[in-house]
Structure formats: structure tokens, C-alpha cells
């Protein structure tokens, strides 16, 4: 277990439509963020603590996410400079997309590799935020981090992960994480 790495996920208060499109990701505002590292295990972060979260993430040698480079870190950039965390980023989606030549979802990888998927999706998470169902939102975000961690650990142990292709079949992709 690497003690100099952290996994994270961010959920937002607003959708792309509500902020004028995907070019305005940084305006979506964080509703909840969750991190996991060997030292602290799971930690829940609320919007007021985003500057501290950015500093915390920047203190690790490896910052692991799924679509974090394109989404999560951009949401966090509203709250401060993300240079340190970005320098140490390992985005599993970026790595898998490079290997496959196309994007895939975390749910596709988790279902095929682990036999378990995500517990909800971003649309439901937005609804939970608007309905002030913070416990459900926090649990969803925590489960996403757990799934990401489990996928990465599987890939490290077995040298591959699986994913569902567009025809519903299962494919394998070699990884060297």
C-alpha cells in the first residue's frame, strides 16, 4: 500500500446546463468531496473546506481520480490554485482512454472488473444536493472513491482491468499502475 497517494472524488451543486455549459466547469461549485488515503482513510469535505482540500491533495505524491483532470480538478480550481495536485495527478480515465483510444465510464470498468458498479450517477447526486439529502450524497461520493480504489488495486494486482464494450461484451485492457 502506497502511503504517498490519495484517491478523491467531487460532486457538484450545479449542472453544466446551469452554468452555461461544459466550458464553465469551475462554476459548478462543490457540494461534497471525499478522499481516501492509507493514513486518514475516508474523509468527507464540504464546500467551505475546499481551499484546505486543495492543499491536502497537493501534499501527496500521487493524486488518483477518474476524470479528475478534466472535471474534478477544474471544479476545485474555483477555490484556489490546483498546480501542486495537478502535477501529481494520475487520472485513471486519461490512462484508460490513451490505452483504448476512447473514453469509458467508471461504472463500465467497475461492473466488468469487480462485479459491482456505482450506486448512482451525477444527475441523481445533483438532485440529492438540491433536496438537501446530504447523507445520501456523501455516501454516494464515498462509494465512488471506494470503487475507484478497488479498480486501481485490482489493476495493480492483476496487471489488467475489464470493461464492457458497446455491444455488451467484456474486454480486458492491460495496465501497469
Protein backbone atom coordinates (compact mmCIF):
# COMPACT_ATOMS: atom_id res chain seq x y z
CA UNK A 1 0.00 0.00 0.00
CA UNK A 2 1.40 3.36 -1.03
CA UNK A 3 1.23 5.90 1.78
CA UNK A 4 2.02 8.80 -0.55
CA UNK A 5 -1.14 8.57 -2.65
CA UNK A 6 -4.70 9.76 -2.24
CA UNK A 7 -7.93 8.98 -4.09
CA UNK A 8 -10.61 11.64 -4.47
CA UNK A 9 -13.98 12.47 -6.00
CA UNK A 10 -16.01 15.67 -6.14
CA UNK A 11 -19.75 16.16 -6.51
CA UNK A 12 -21.20 19.49 -7.59
CA UNK A 13 -24.07 21.80 -6.72
CA UNK A 14 -24.85 22.77 -10.30
CA UNK A 15 -25.02 21.02 -13.68
CA UNK A 16 -23.27 22.08 -16.88
CA UNK A 17 -26.59 23.47 -18.16
CA UNK A 18 -26.95 25.62 -15.03
CA UNK A 19 -23.52 27.26 -15.50
CA UNK A 20 -23.70 27.86 -19.25
CA UNK A 21 -22.06 24.67 -20.50
CA UNK A 22 -19.03 22.44 -20.06
CA UNK A 23 -16.63 25.33 -20.63
CA UNK A 24 -17.67 26.66 -17.21
CA UNK A 25 -16.95 23.59 -15.08
CA UNK A 26 -15.20 25.70 -12.44
CA UNK A 27 -18.54 27.47 -11.74
CA UNK A 28 -20.38 24.26 -10.75
CA UNK A 29 -19.34 24.60 -7.07
CA UNK A 30 -18.55 21.64 -4.86
CA UNK A 31 -21.36 20.07 -2.85
CA UNK A 32 -19.32 17.23 -1.32
CA UNK A 33 -15.86 15.80 -1.83
CA UNK A 34 -14.42 12.57 -0.45
CA UNK A 35 -10.81 11.47 -0.16
CA UNK A 36 -9.19 8.20 0.85
CA UNK A 37 -5.59 7.62 1.81
CA UNK A 38 -3.89 4.95 3.90
CA UNK A 39 -3.15 7.38 6.73
CA UNK A 40 -6.56 9.08 7.07
CA UNK A 41 -8.89 6.54 5.40
CA UNK A 42 -12.09 8.23 4.20
CA UNK A 43 -12.56 11.95 4.76
CA UNK A 44 -15.61 14.00 3.86
CA UNK A 45 -15.08 17.59 2.73
CA UNK A 46 -17.75 20.30 2.48
CA UNK A 47 -17.58 23.39 0.28
CA UNK A 48 -16.20 25.68 2.98
CA UNK A 49 -13.10 23.46 3.27
CA UNK A 50 -12.17 23.40 -0.43
CA UNK A 51 -9.00 25.52 -0.01
CA UNK A 52 -7.85 23.03 2.65
CA UNK A 53 -8.75 20.10 0.38
CA UNK A 54 -6.66 21.56 -2.46
CA UNK A 55 -3.71 21.97 -0.09
CA UNK A 56 -4.23 18.44 1.29
CA UNK A 57 -4.30 16.88 -2.19
CA UNK A 58 -1.23 18.85 -3.21
CA UNK A 59 0.70 17.23 -0.37
CA UNK A 60 0.59 13.75 -1.91
CA UNK A 61 3.00 12.25 -4.43
CA UNK A 62 0.10 10.76 -6.42
CA UNK A 63 -3.47 12.13 -6.62
CA UNK A 64 -5.74 9.47 -8.13
CA UNK A 65 -9.08 10.26 -9.75
CA UNK A 66 -11.39 9.17 -12.53
CA UNK A 67 -11.92 12.11 -14.91
CA UNK A 68 -10.29 14.35 -12.32
CA UNK A 69 -8.07 16.18 -14.79
CA UNK A 70 -10.97 17.27 -16.95
CA UNK A 71 -13.66 17.64 -14.28
CA UNK A 72 -12.95 17.39 -10.54
CA UNK A 73 -9.79 19.48 -10.52
CA UNK A 74 -11.50 22.09 -12.72
CA UNK A 75 -14.34 22.34 -10.20
CA UNK A 76 -11.75 22.74 -7.42
CA UNK A 77 -9.90 25.46 -9.37
CA UNK A 78 -12.67 27.89 -8.39
CA UNK A 79 -11.41 27.68 -4.79
CA UNK A 80 -7.67 28.04 -5.32
CA UNK A 81 -4.57 27.11 -7.27
CA UNK A 82 -4.53 23.44 -8.21
CA UNK A 83 -0.98 23.33 -9.62
CA UNK A 84 0.51 21.01 -6.95
CA UNK A 85 -2.31 18.46 -7.11
CA UNK A 86 -2.39 18.61 -10.92
CA UNK A 87 1.36 17.99 -11.17
CA UNK A 88 0.90 14.75 -9.20
CA UNK A 89 -2.33 13.66 -10.87
CA UNK A 90 -2.97 10.14 -12.05
CA UNK A 91 -6.31 10.18 -13.84
CA UNK A 92 -7.44 6.60 -14.46
CA UNK A 93 -9.80 7.71 -17.24
CA UNK A 94 -6.98 9.51 -19.07
CA UNK A 95 -4.78 6.42 -18.79
CA UNK A 96 -7.51 4.01 -19.97
CA UNK A 97 -8.58 6.34 -22.80
CA UNK A 98 -4.99 6.50 -24.02
CA UNK A 99 -4.74 2.71 -23.98
CA UNK A 100 -8.12 2.12 -25.65
CA UNK A 101 -8.45 5.09 -27.98
CA UNK A 102 -11.84 6.03 -26.49
CA UNK A 103 -13.42 7.06 -23.21
CA UNK A 104 -15.19 4.62 -20.90
CA UNK A 105 -17.14 5.07 -17.69
CA UNK A 106 -16.03 4.11 -14.20
CA UNK A 107 -19.26 2.12 -13.92
CA UNK A 108 -18.34 0.09 -17.02
CA UNK A 109 -14.91 -0.73 -15.60
CA UNK A 110 -16.22 -1.45 -12.10
CA UNK A 111 -19.05 -3.71 -13.30
CA UNK A 112 -16.81 -5.75 -15.58
CA UNK A 113 -13.78 -5.86 -13.27
CA UNK A 114 -15.30 -6.09 -9.79
CA UNK A 115 -18.88 -7.19 -10.42
CA UNK A 116 -20.13 -4.06 -8.63
CA UNK A 117 -20.98 -0.72 -10.11
CA UNK A 118 -21.57 2.79 -8.99
CA UNK A 119 -24.52 3.29 -6.65
CA UNK A 120 -25.97 6.27 -8.58
CA UNK A 121 -24.86 8.91 -11.08
CA UNK A 122 -24.14 12.62 -11.25
CA UNK A 123 -27.72 13.56 -12.14
CA UNK A 124 -29.06 11.82 -9.05
CA UNK A 125 -26.28 13.41 -6.97
CA UNK A 126 -27.37 16.86 -8.14
CA UNK A 127 -30.95 16.06 -7.16
CA UNK A 128 -29.84 14.89 -3.70
CA UNK A 129 -27.96 18.16 -3.24
CA UNK A 130 -31.00 20.23 -4.22
CA UNK A 131 -33.21 18.12 -1.91
CA UNK A 132 -30.65 18.56 0.92
CA UNK A 133 -30.17 14.79 1.19
CA UNK A 134 -26.55 15.28 2.18
CA UNK A 135 -26.13 11.86 3.79
CA UNK A 136 -27.13 10.08 0.56
CA UNK A 137 -24.86 12.37 -1.46
CA UNK A 138 -21.91 11.79 0.87
CA UNK A 139 -22.39 8.01 0.80
CA UNK A 140 -22.58 8.03 -3.00
CA UNK A 141 -19.36 10.01 -3.26
CA UNK A 142 -17.65 7.74 -0.71
CA UNK A 143 -18.72 4.66 -2.70
CA UNK A 144 -17.32 6.19 -5.91
CA UNK A 145 -13.96 6.64 -4.20
CA UNK A 146 -14.12 3.06 -2.88
CA UNK A 147 -14.92 1.71 -6.37
CA UNK A 148 -12.06 3.71 -7.89
CA UNK A 149 -9.65 2.46 -5.23
CA UNK A 150 -10.79 -1.14 -5.74
CA UNK A 151 -10.39 -0.87 -9.54
CA UNK A 152 -6.86 0.54 -9.19
CA UNK A 153 -5.88 -2.14 -6.66
CA UNK A 154 -7.26 -4.85 -8.95
CA UNK A 155 -5.30 -3.42 -11.88
CA UNK A 156 -2.11 -3.31 -9.84
CA UNK A 157 -2.56 -6.86 -8.58
CA UNK A 158 -3.61 -8.48 -11.87
CA UNK A 159 -2.00 -6.23 -14.49
CA UNK A 160 -5.33 -5.60 -16.21
CA UNK A 161 -8.87 -4.37 -15.74
CA UNK A 162 -12.01 -5.21 -17.68
CA UNK A 163 -14.71 -3.06 -19.20
CA UNK A 164 -17.97 -3.52 -21.07
CA UNK A 165 -17.81 -2.67 -24.75
CA UNK A 166 -20.64 -1.06 -26.72
CA UNK A 167 -22.05 -4.43 -27.78
CA UNK A 168 -22.31 -5.57 -24.15
CA UNK A 169 -19.28 -7.84 -24.25
CA UNK A 170 -16.46 -7.81 -21.73
CA UNK A 171 -12.98 -6.79 -22.81
CA UNK A 172 -9.67 -6.70 -20.99
CA UNK A 173 -7.08 -3.92 -21.06
CA UNK A 174 -3.59 -4.37 -19.65
CA UNK A 175 -2.42 -1.75 -17.15
CA UNK A 176 0.83 -1.03 -15.33
CA UNK A 177 -0.38 1.11 -12.45
